[in-house]
Each structure stands twice: as structure tokens, then as C-alpha cells.
Amino acid sequence: MVAATERRRHVRIKPTPDLPVYVALASNSLLREALDVIDLSISGLALSSPALADTKPGQRLRLLITLGTSAEHAVEVVTRWTTPDGIGIELVDPPPQMVQELGRYIAELLERGASA
């Protein structure tokens, strides 16, 4: 029997209540809709929210992401996959500072024993 190969290039990890991730759709509205983060990696996130129900693969979105206690980052993403329960997004040219913060955030979650 041939072993299945892992498609993902980066570890995915679930945020914890003590070190949360906040994600919202960027809009002109003062009321932002928070999106539930299923898991994240250095290159993308899996999200769930009724606000994303009509999102299609290839669609670009602008999100506001806050990792733990770091600053909020506005970032463009592209939808890679959709299911009835959520969507998978890839970060599009994220700022270098955000990539560094994301790496530190994931490393800290791993040190704390978060599930991958």
C-alpha cells in the first residue's frame, strides 16, 4: 500500500483561547463581522462564517487580522477552496512584518501545545 502524501507545505495549527486570532472582513462599515478561525499556517487560514457563504474559489477578499496581542494587519487574500462549513484562503503578498509575526505566533502556539 502506498502512503498518502501530505498536500500542505506548512503546518496548520488551531488558535487557543489564551492566544486568539481575530479576523474580520475589511469594509467601510464601523461594524466589522468577526470570522471564526478554524486553523492557520504561515501561508493561509481556514475560516468559517455565514458572511463567507457565497465566497467562490479564486475570489479575492481584504481582511483585517490580529494575531494575539500584535498589531492589526490589513491583508489581501484569495479563496482556494470552499465547503459548506468554511473556506480556505491564501495570503497574497503579505507584508514582511506580518509574515514574521505569523511565524512567531505559530511557534508560540506550538510551544504551548496547541493542536496541529
N, C-alpha and C. Protein backbone atom coordinates (compact mmCIF):
# COMPACT_ATOMS: atom_id res chain seq x y z
N MET A 1 0.85 -1.18 0.00
CA MET A 1 0.00 0.00 0.00
C MET A 1 0.89 1.24 0.00
N VAL A 2 0.56 2.21 -0.82
CA VAL A 2 1.32 3.45 -0.93
C VAL A 2 0.77 4.45 0.08
N ALA A 3 1.67 5.08 0.83
CA ALA A 3 1.25 6.08 1.81
C ALA A 3 0.78 7.34 1.10
N ALA A 4 -0.25 7.95 1.63
CA ALA A 4 -0.76 9.21 1.07
C ALA A 4 0.24 10.32 1.34
N THR A 5 0.40 11.20 0.38
CA THR A 5 1.32 12.32 0.58
C THR A 5 0.57 13.51 1.11
N GLU A 6 1.21 14.27 1.94
CA GLU A 6 0.63 15.48 2.52
C GLU A 6 0.67 16.59 1.50
N ARG A 7 -0.46 17.22 1.23
CA ARG A 7 -0.53 18.30 0.25
C ARG A 7 0.01 19.61 0.79
N ARG A 8 -0.12 19.84 2.04
CA ARG A 8 0.26 21.12 2.61
C ARG A 8 1.76 21.24 2.79
N ARG A 9 2.27 22.43 2.52
CA ARG A 9 3.70 22.69 2.69
C ARG A 9 4.01 23.22 4.09
N HIS A 10 3.00 23.72 4.79
CA HIS A 10 3.22 24.35 6.08
C HIS A 10 2.29 23.73 7.13
N VAL A 11 2.78 23.67 8.36
CA VAL A 11 1.98 23.14 9.46
C VAL A 11 0.78 24.05 9.69
N ARG A 12 -0.36 23.42 9.96
CA ARG A 12 -1.58 24.16 10.31
C ARG A 12 -1.83 23.96 11.79
N ILE A 13 -2.25 25.02 12.45
CA ILE A 13 -2.45 24.95 13.89
C ILE A 13 -3.73 25.69 14.26
N LYS A 14 -4.38 25.21 15.32
CA LYS A 14 -5.61 25.82 15.79
C LYS A 14 -5.29 26.88 16.85
N PRO A 15 -5.85 28.08 16.72
CA PRO A 15 -5.65 29.10 17.76
C PRO A 15 -6.24 28.64 19.08
N THR A 16 -5.74 29.18 20.17
CA THR A 16 -6.24 28.84 21.50
C THR A 16 -6.91 30.07 22.13
N PRO A 17 -7.80 29.84 23.10
CA PRO A 17 -8.46 30.98 23.74
C PRO A 17 -7.50 31.95 24.43
N ASP A 18 -6.37 31.43 24.92
CA ASP A 18 -5.43 32.32 25.61
C ASP A 18 -4.52 33.08 24.64
N LEU A 19 -4.52 32.71 23.37
CA LEU A 19 -3.74 33.41 22.34
C LEU A 19 -4.57 33.41 21.04
N PRO A 20 -5.66 34.21 21.05
CA PRO A 20 -6.60 34.15 19.93
C PRO A 20 -6.11 34.88 18.67
N VAL A 21 -6.78 34.59 17.58
CA VAL A 21 -6.60 35.30 16.31
C VAL A 21 -7.93 35.98 16.03
N TYR A 22 -7.88 37.26 15.68
CA TYR A 22 -9.08 37.99 15.30
C TYR A 22 -9.00 38.29 13.81
N VAL A 23 -10.04 37.91 13.09
CA VAL A 23 -10.10 38.15 11.65
C VAL A 23 -11.46 38.76 11.35
N ALA A 24 -11.45 39.82 10.53
CA ALA A 24 -12.68 40.48 10.12
C ALA A 24 -12.57 40.87 8.66
N LEU A 25 -13.71 40.92 7.99
CA LEU A 25 -13.74 41.42 6.63
C LEU A 25 -13.49 42.92 6.68
N ALA A 26 -12.60 43.42 5.87
CA ALA A 26 -12.34 44.86 5.81
C ALA A 26 -13.46 45.49 4.98
N SER A 27 -14.06 46.50 5.53
CA SER A 27 -15.14 47.20 4.82
C SER A 27 -15.18 48.64 5.30
N ASN A 28 -16.03 49.41 4.70
CA ASN A 28 -16.18 50.80 5.12
C ASN A 28 -17.05 50.92 6.35
N SER A 29 -17.68 49.86 6.75
CA SER A 29 -18.59 49.87 7.89
C SER A 29 -17.82 49.90 9.20
N LEU A 30 -18.38 50.61 10.17
CA LEU A 30 -17.78 50.61 11.50
C LEU A 30 -18.03 49.30 12.21
N LEU A 31 -19.08 48.59 11.79
CA LEU A 31 -19.39 47.29 12.37
C LEU A 31 -18.69 46.22 11.55
N ARG A 32 -17.71 45.58 12.14
CA ARG A 32 -16.97 44.53 11.45
C ARG A 32 -17.52 43.18 11.85
N GLU A 33 -17.64 42.31 10.88
CA GLU A 33 -18.09 40.95 11.17
C GLU A 33 -16.88 40.08 11.45
N ALA A 34 -16.80 39.56 12.66
CA ALA A 34 -15.70 38.67 13.02
C ALA A 34 -15.89 37.33 12.32
N LEU A 35 -14.78 36.74 11.90
CA LEU A 35 -14.80 35.44 11.24
C LEU A 35 -14.16 34.42 12.16
N ASP A 36 -14.72 33.23 12.23
CA ASP A 36 -14.15 32.16 13.05
C ASP A 36 -12.96 31.55 12.34
N VAL A 37 -11.84 31.45 13.07
CA VAL A 37 -10.62 30.86 12.52
C VAL A 37 -10.61 29.38 12.90
N ILE A 38 -10.63 28.51 11.90
CA ILE A 38 -10.58 27.07 12.13
C ILE A 38 -9.13 26.66 12.39
N ASP A 39 -8.23 27.09 11.52
CA ASP A 39 -6.80 26.88 11.71
C ASP A 39 -6.03 27.86 10.84
N LEU A 40 -4.72 27.91 11.03
CA LEU A 40 -3.90 28.82 10.24
C LEU A 40 -2.51 28.24 10.04
N SER A 41 -1.85 28.76 9.01
CA SER A 41 -0.48 28.39 8.71
C SER A 41 0.25 29.67 8.30
N ILE A 42 1.52 29.54 7.97
CA ILE A 42 2.31 30.69 7.57
C ILE A 42 1.80 31.29 6.25
N SER A 43 1.04 30.50 5.48
CA SER A 43 0.61 30.99 4.17
C SER A 43 -0.90 31.20 4.03
N GLY A 44 -1.69 30.81 5.05
CA GLY A 44 -3.13 30.97 4.90
C GLY A 44 -3.92 30.56 6.12
N LEU A 45 -5.23 30.63 5.98
CA LEU A 45 -6.14 30.31 7.07
C LEU A 45 -7.34 29.54 6.54
N ALA A 46 -7.97 28.80 7.43
CA ALA A 46 -9.28 28.21 7.17
C ALA A 46 -10.25 28.98 8.05
N LEU A 47 -11.32 29.49 7.45
CA LEU A 47 -12.27 30.35 8.16
C LEU A 47 -13.68 29.82 8.03
N SER A 48 -14.52 30.21 8.98
CA SER A 48 -15.92 29.82 8.94
C SER A 48 -16.75 31.02 9.40
N SER A 49 -17.81 31.32 8.63
CA SER A 49 -18.71 32.39 9.00
C SER A 49 -19.85 32.44 7.99
N PRO A 50 -21.06 32.76 8.44
CA PRO A 50 -22.16 32.94 7.48
C PRO A 50 -21.85 34.04 6.45
N ALA A 51 -21.02 35.01 6.82
CA ALA A 51 -20.67 36.10 5.91
C ALA A 51 -19.88 35.61 4.71
N LEU A 52 -19.31 34.41 4.79
CA LEU A 52 -18.49 33.86 3.71
C LEU A 52 -19.23 32.83 2.86
N ALA A 53 -20.51 32.65 3.12
CA ALA A 53 -21.28 31.58 2.47
C ALA A 53 -21.26 31.65 0.95
N ASP A 54 -21.22 32.84 0.37
CA ASP A 54 -21.26 32.98 -1.08
C ASP A 54 -19.88 33.13 -1.72
N THR A 55 -18.82 32.94 -0.94
CA THR A 55 -17.46 33.09 -1.44
C THR A 55 -17.13 31.94 -2.39
N LYS A 56 -16.49 32.26 -3.49
CA LYS A 56 -16.13 31.27 -4.51
C LYS A 56 -14.62 31.13 -4.61
N PRO A 57 -14.10 29.95 -5.00
CA PRO A 57 -12.66 29.80 -5.22
C PRO A 57 -12.16 30.83 -6.25
N GLY A 58 -11.00 31.40 -5.95
CA GLY A 58 -10.43 32.42 -6.80
C GLY A 58 -10.83 33.84 -6.44
N GLN A 59 -11.83 33.97 -5.59
CA GLN A 59 -12.30 35.30 -5.18
C GLN A 59 -11.30 35.94 -4.23
N ARG A 60 -11.05 37.23 -4.41
CA ARG A 60 -10.14 37.97 -3.53
C ARG A 60 -10.95 38.74 -2.50
N LEU A 61 -10.41 38.75 -1.28
CA LEU A 61 -11.02 39.47 -0.17
C LEU A 61 -9.96 40.31 0.53
N ARG A 62 -10.39 41.30 1.25
CA ARG A 62 -9.48 42.10 2.08
C ARG A 62 -9.89 41.84 3.52
N LEU A 63 -8.93 41.36 4.32
CA LEU A 63 -9.20 41.02 5.72
C LEU A 63 -8.36 41.86 6.65
N LEU A 64 -8.84 41.99 7.88
CA LEU A 64 -8.08 42.58 8.97
C LEU A 64 -7.75 41.45 9.93
N ILE A 65 -6.45 41.23 10.18
CA ILE A 65 -6.01 40.11 11.00
C ILE A 65 -5.18 40.62 12.17
N THR A 66 -5.52 40.16 13.37
CA THR A 66 -4.75 40.45 14.58
C THR A 66 -4.35 39.13 15.21
N LEU A 67 -3.05 38.94 15.39
CA LEU A 67 -2.51 37.70 15.96
C LEU A 67 -2.16 37.94 17.42
N GLY A 68 -2.94 37.34 18.33
CA GLY A 68 -2.66 37.53 19.75
C GLY A 68 -2.71 39.00 20.11
N THR A 69 -1.59 39.51 20.62
CA THR A 69 -1.52 40.91 21.04
C THR A 69 -0.81 41.80 20.03
N SER A 70 -0.55 41.29 18.82
CA SER A 70 0.15 42.08 17.80
C SER A 70 -0.79 43.13 17.20
N ALA A 71 -0.23 43.96 16.35
CA ALA A 71 -1.00 45.00 15.68
C ALA A 71 -1.92 44.38 14.63
N GLU A 72 -2.96 45.11 14.28
CA GLU A 72 -3.87 44.67 13.24
C GLU A 72 -3.21 44.87 11.87
N HIS A 73 -3.37 43.88 10.99
CA HIS A 73 -2.82 43.95 9.64
C HIS A 73 -3.94 43.85 8.63
N ALA A 74 -3.96 44.75 7.65
CA ALA A 74 -4.87 44.63 6.52
C ALA A 74 -4.14 43.84 5.46
N VAL A 75 -4.77 42.79 4.96
CA VAL A 75 -4.10 41.91 4.01
C VAL A 75 -5.10 41.42 2.97
N GLU A 76 -4.61 41.27 1.75
CA GLU A 76 -5.42 40.70 0.69
C GLU A 76 -5.23 39.19 0.68
N VAL A 77 -6.33 38.47 0.43
CA VAL A 77 -6.29 37.01 0.38
C VAL A 77 -7.05 36.55 -0.85
N VAL A 78 -6.78 35.31 -1.25
CA VAL A 78 -7.52 34.69 -2.34
C VAL A 78 -8.09 33.37 -1.82
N THR A 79 -9.35 33.11 -2.14
CA THR A 79 -10.01 31.88 -1.72
C THR A 79 -9.48 30.72 -2.55
N ARG A 80 -9.03 29.66 -1.88
CA ARG A 80 -8.51 28.48 -2.57
C ARG A 80 -9.53 27.35 -2.62
N TRP A 81 -10.35 27.21 -1.57
CA TRP A 81 -11.36 26.16 -1.55
C TRP A 81 -12.54 26.59 -0.69
N THR A 82 -13.68 25.99 -0.94
CA THR A 82 -14.87 26.26 -0.14
C THR A 82 -15.58 24.95 0.16
N THR A 83 -16.22 24.90 1.31
CA THR A 83 -17.10 23.79 1.70
C THR A 83 -18.31 24.43 2.37
N PRO A 84 -19.35 23.65 2.66
CA PRO A 84 -20.48 24.23 3.40
C PRO A 84 -20.07 24.75 4.79
N ASP A 85 -18.96 24.24 5.33
CA ASP A 85 -18.55 24.62 6.69
C ASP A 85 -17.50 25.72 6.74
N GLY A 86 -16.89 26.08 5.61
CA GLY A 86 -15.86 27.10 5.67
C GLY A 86 -15.14 27.30 4.35
N ILE A 87 -14.10 28.15 4.41
CA ILE A 87 -13.28 28.41 3.24
C ILE A 87 -11.81 28.37 3.62
N GLY A 88 -11.00 28.07 2.63
CA GLY A 88 -9.55 28.13 2.80
C GLY A 88 -9.02 29.30 2.00
N ILE A 89 -8.21 30.13 2.64
CA ILE A 89 -7.68 31.31 1.96
C ILE A 89 -6.16 31.31 2.00
N GLU A 90 -5.57 31.91 0.98
CA GLU A 90 -4.13 32.07 0.90
C GLU A 90 -3.81 33.56 0.98
N LEU A 91 -2.81 33.91 1.78
CA LEU A 91 -2.38 35.30 1.87
C LEU A 91 -1.73 35.70 0.56
N VAL A 92 -2.04 36.89 0.07
CA VAL A 92 -1.46 37.40 -1.18
C VAL A 92 -0.45 38.49 -0.83
N ASP A 93 0.81 38.21 -1.06
CA ASP A 93 1.90 39.16 -0.78
C ASP A 93 1.74 39.87 0.56
N PRO A 94 1.70 39.11 1.65
CA PRO A 94 1.56 39.76 2.96
C PRO A 94 2.80 40.58 3.29
N PRO A 95 2.65 41.65 4.07
CA PRO A 95 3.81 42.45 4.45
C PRO A 95 4.81 41.59 5.23
N PRO A 96 6.12 41.83 5.04
CA PRO A 96 7.13 41.03 5.74
C PRO A 96 6.94 41.03 7.26
N GLN A 97 6.52 42.15 7.83
CA GLN A 97 6.31 42.21 9.28
C GLN A 97 5.21 41.24 9.71
N MET A 98 4.16 41.13 8.91
CA MET A 98 3.08 40.21 9.24
C MET A 98 3.56 38.76 9.16
N VAL A 99 4.36 38.44 8.14
CA VAL A 99 4.89 37.08 8.00
C VAL A 99 5.74 36.72 9.22
N GLN A 100 6.56 37.66 9.69
CA GLN A 100 7.38 37.43 10.88
C GLN A 100 6.50 37.22 12.11
N GLU A 101 5.48 38.07 12.29
CA GLU A 101 4.58 37.92 13.43
C GLU A 101 3.81 36.61 13.36
N LEU A 102 3.41 36.22 12.16
CA LEU A 102 2.70 34.96 11.99
C LEU A 102 3.59 33.77 12.36
N GLY A 103 4.86 33.81 11.95
CA GLY A 103 5.80 32.76 12.32
C GLY A 103 6.00 32.68 13.83
N ARG A 104 6.15 33.84 14.46
CA ARG A 104 6.30 33.87 15.94
C ARG A 104 5.04 33.36 16.62
N TYR A 105 3.88 33.76 16.11
CA TYR A 105 2.61 33.35 16.69
C TYR A 105 2.46 31.83 16.61
N ILE A 106 2.72 31.25 15.45
CA ILE A 106 2.61 29.79 15.28
C ILE A 106 3.61 29.08 16.18
N ALA A 107 4.85 29.58 16.26
CA ALA A 107 5.86 28.96 17.13
C ALA A 107 5.40 28.99 18.58
N GLU A 108 4.82 30.11 19.02
CA GLU A 108 4.35 30.20 20.40
C GLU A 108 3.20 29.24 20.66
N LEU A 109 2.29 29.11 19.71
CA LEU A 109 1.20 28.14 19.87
C LEU A 109 1.73 26.72 19.98
N LEU A 110 2.72 26.39 19.15
CA LEU A 110 3.32 25.05 19.21
C LEU A 110 4.00 24.81 20.55
N GLU A 111 4.70 25.83 21.05
CA GLU A 111 5.36 25.70 22.37
C GLU A 111 4.34 25.48 23.47
N ARG A 112 3.17 26.09 23.34
CA ARG A 112 2.12 25.96 24.35
C ARG A 112 1.34 24.66 24.21
N GLY A 113 1.65 23.90 23.16
CA GLY A 113 0.99 22.60 22.98
C GLY A 113 -0.31 22.64 22.22
N ALA A 114 -0.53 23.69 21.44
CA ALA A 114 -1.76 23.76 20.64
C ALA A 114 -1.78 22.61 19.63
N SER A 115 -2.98 22.22 19.23
CA SER A 115 -3.08 21.08 18.30
C SER A 115 -2.85 21.54 16.87
N ALA A 116 -2.10 20.71 16.17
CA ALA A 116 -1.78 21.00 14.76
C ALA A 116 -2.74 20.28 13.85
